[in-house]
């Protein structure tokens, strides 16, 4: 899996167009290290090129976002930090995962 992120507080980032291959442990650590600052985000790109990204909204509130360029929108759901971690582990452990049914599609 590959990750990308931007932390505006620390000016630390990995660009989405140049993601980095990391194992699950490093991925979780990098998500953990992201500061709680508005608009910080972190994402995964799966081997089949599906993107899952998380945008920090507020304390323990993240927007999970799965863009679908073909449909010109994203599947989204608000999650807690712990729910984000569970989803990251799920994606890493099941390379053929599907978009969860409780995510809502929102056009761009």
Protein backbone atom coordinates (compact mmCIF):
# COMPACT_ATOMS: atom_id res chain seq x y z
CA UNK A 1 0.00 0.00 0.00
CA UNK A 2 1.00 3.57 -0.50
CA UNK A 3 0.27 6.57 1.70
CA UNK A 4 0.13 10.32 1.26
CA UNK A 5 -0.60 13.10 3.73
CA UNK A 6 -0.23 16.75 4.57
CA UNK A 7 0.26 18.16 8.05
CA UNK A 8 -0.02 21.93 7.80
CA UNK A 9 1.24 22.48 11.37
CA UNK A 10 4.55 20.72 10.79
CA UNK A 11 4.86 21.31 7.03
CA UNK A 12 5.39 17.56 6.70
CA UNK A 13 3.85 15.87 3.67
CA UNK A 14 3.96 13.10 1.09
CA UNK A 15 2.24 14.23 -2.10
CA UNK A 16 -0.65 12.16 -3.46
CA UNK A 17 0.96 12.15 -6.89
CA UNK A 18 4.13 10.69 -5.37
CA UNK A 19 2.91 8.36 -2.58
CA UNK A 20 5.23 6.23 -0.46
CA UNK A 21 5.08 2.45 -0.01
CA UNK A 22 4.75 1.57 3.67
CA UNK A 23 3.69 -1.40 5.75
CA UNK A 24 0.69 -1.32 8.09
CA UNK A 25 2.71 -0.41 11.19
CA UNK A 26 4.35 2.58 9.49
CA UNK A 27 1.02 3.65 8.02
CA UNK A 28 -0.68 3.68 11.43
CA UNK A 29 2.27 5.50 12.99
CA UNK A 30 2.15 8.20 10.32
CA UNK A 31 -1.61 8.62 10.84
CA UNK A 32 -1.01 8.82 14.59
CA UNK A 33 1.71 11.46 14.11
CA UNK A 34 -0.58 13.76 12.11
CA UNK A 35 -1.40 16.80 14.24
CA UNK A 36 -5.00 17.68 15.07
CA UNK A 37 -5.25 20.69 12.83
CA UNK A 38 -8.07 21.71 10.51
CA UNK A 39 -7.64 20.52 6.93
CA UNK A 40 -4.82 18.06 7.70
CA UNK A 41 -5.35 14.89 5.72
CA UNK A 42 -3.94 11.40 5.32
CA UNK A 43 -4.67 8.78 2.67
CA UNK A 44 -4.02 5.32 1.27
CA UNK A 45 -3.77 4.20 -2.33
CA UNK A 46 -4.52 0.50 -2.73
CA UNK A 47 -2.84 -1.80 -5.27
CA UNK A 48 -5.95 -1.51 -7.47
CA UNK A 49 -5.62 2.31 -7.33
CA UNK A 50 -8.53 3.01 -4.98
CA UNK A 51 -7.96 6.04 -2.74
CA UNK A 52 -9.18 6.30 0.84
CA UNK A 53 -8.45 9.61 2.50
CA UNK A 54 -9.19 11.09 5.90
CA UNK A 55 -9.67 14.80 6.55
CA UNK A 56 -9.37 16.12 10.12
CA UNK A 57 -12.56 18.00 11.04
CA UNK A 58 -12.35 18.46 14.82
CA UNK A 59 -11.37 16.58 17.96
CA UNK A 60 -12.02 12.88 17.29
CA UNK A 61 -13.97 13.68 14.11
CA UNK A 62 -12.62 12.78 10.67
CA UNK A 63 -14.21 12.73 7.23
CA UNK A 64 -13.42 9.50 5.42
CA UNK A 65 -13.54 10.10 1.68
CA UNK A 66 -13.30 7.67 -1.24
CA UNK A 67 -13.22 9.62 -4.51
CA UNK A 68 -14.90 8.18 -7.59
CA UNK A 69 -13.79 10.25 -10.59
CA UNK A 70 -15.96 8.23 -12.96
CA UNK A 71 -19.11 9.19 -11.02
CA UNK A 72 -17.72 12.67 -10.29
CA UNK A 73 -18.13 12.43 -6.53
CA UNK A 74 -16.99 10.74 -3.34
CA UNK A 75 -18.27 8.16 -0.91
CA UNK A 76 -18.04 9.71 2.55
CA UNK A 77 -18.65 9.08 6.21
CA UNK A 78 -17.67 10.83 9.45
CA UNK A 79 -15.56 8.63 11.71
CA UNK A 80 -13.84 8.79 15.06
CA UNK A 81 -10.07 8.38 15.25
CA UNK A 82 -10.43 4.76 16.37
CA UNK A 83 -12.86 4.01 13.54
CA UNK A 84 -10.27 5.40 11.10
CA UNK A 85 -7.65 3.03 12.51
CA UNK A 86 -10.03 0.07 12.17
CA UNK A 87 -10.72 1.01 8.54
CA UNK A 88 -7.01 1.45 7.76
CA UNK A 89 -6.27 -2.02 9.18
CA UNK A 90 -9.17 -3.48 7.22
CA UNK A 91 -7.92 -1.99 3.94
CA UNK A 92 -4.37 -3.21 4.56
CA UNK A 93 -5.53 -6.72 5.41
CA UNK A 94 -8.05 -7.12 2.56
CA UNK A 95 -6.63 -5.88 -0.74
CA UNK A 96 -9.95 -6.64 -2.46
CA UNK A 97 -12.04 -4.60 -0.04
CA UNK A 98 -15.22 -2.89 -1.14
CA UNK A 99 -16.59 0.53 -0.23
CA UNK A 100 -18.53 0.08 3.03
CA UNK A 101 -22.30 0.17 2.57
CA UNK A 102 -22.77 2.91 5.19
CA UNK A 103 -20.71 5.44 3.19
CA UNK A 104 -22.86 8.01 1.40
CA UNK A 105 -22.16 9.17 -2.17
CA UNK A 106 -21.88 12.94 -2.58
CA UNK A 107 -21.40 14.53 -6.01
CA UNK A 108 -18.63 17.10 -6.40
